[in-house]
């Protein structure tokens, strides 16, 4: 993936939410592996870029008393402006992303089976600060911050003053700040990227629930062959603080604190048509804790406007 062929940046087709059942109160603000396939340490040439990503995700979780199956289709439209301006010597960009989701869940418990279907808007994400420094010798260092709003489609039930999300809930009713630090290396049509992302969540005041903070490591190794880009991607997701309800640590399906963990691997391929580019990514969970063991298949397009 040569530098001048790069059509999108860190969050252009990112910030899709994943299906998180009991690991966090709702869905994790960032889907594991979302930024894989992108040279997140670099920014595209100045201009406005539109991205659209469709993701089919499916998986299941089995514990002693709960069996969960999930099949979802998520879509996100994104707009990024890579500005001609410099900030602290770095190239500067900003953007916005809006996801939409169709969710289908089957829940089996000792009292029987329940099926839930719903669709609607997810939380809007703005990216007011995306910076990239050209370090020379093919290295690019990127950093930035995204802000996830608490808008979108919610479903909450209250009993005796105690409120909880229902399985039909789609969006999160709390704010999230997502800083990141990425390093990208370009060499002989190869691109290697390490992207570190953090979720810092506020409390859902409606349910008095605070979802734990989470770390995401996205890895990309791809090679450009004429107009094709092919390679491998991987993700490690690790929640590093406990979920709490009314100040009390939540018991998860696998451990106290309900801390999620994922390890995911897969291939990717892309094609540059010149006026636009497309890519496909497939991620398989080889390890999952306190969350369904999911598979994600993405198809995305990016267009310089």
Foldseek 3Di string as FASTA:
>chain_A
DDQQLAFAEQPQFFQWWDAADQLFQGTDRGDAQRRAPHQHLDGYPFFKKKKKKKKWKWFWDDFDFKIKTKTKIKMKIKMKGFHPDDDPQWGWMWMKMKMKMWIWMWMQGPVGIDIDTEIKTEWIKIWRTWTWHDPDPQKIKIKGKMKTAQDMAFAWDDDPLAIGGDPRGDYHNWMWMKIKIKMWGDDPQKIKMWMKIKIDIDANPSRQKTNAIKIKIKIYIWGDDPFKIKGKIKMWMWGDAAIDGNNHFPQASAGTRSIKIWIKIWMKMKGRPPQKIKMWIWIFTPDIDSGTRMIMIMIMMMGGD
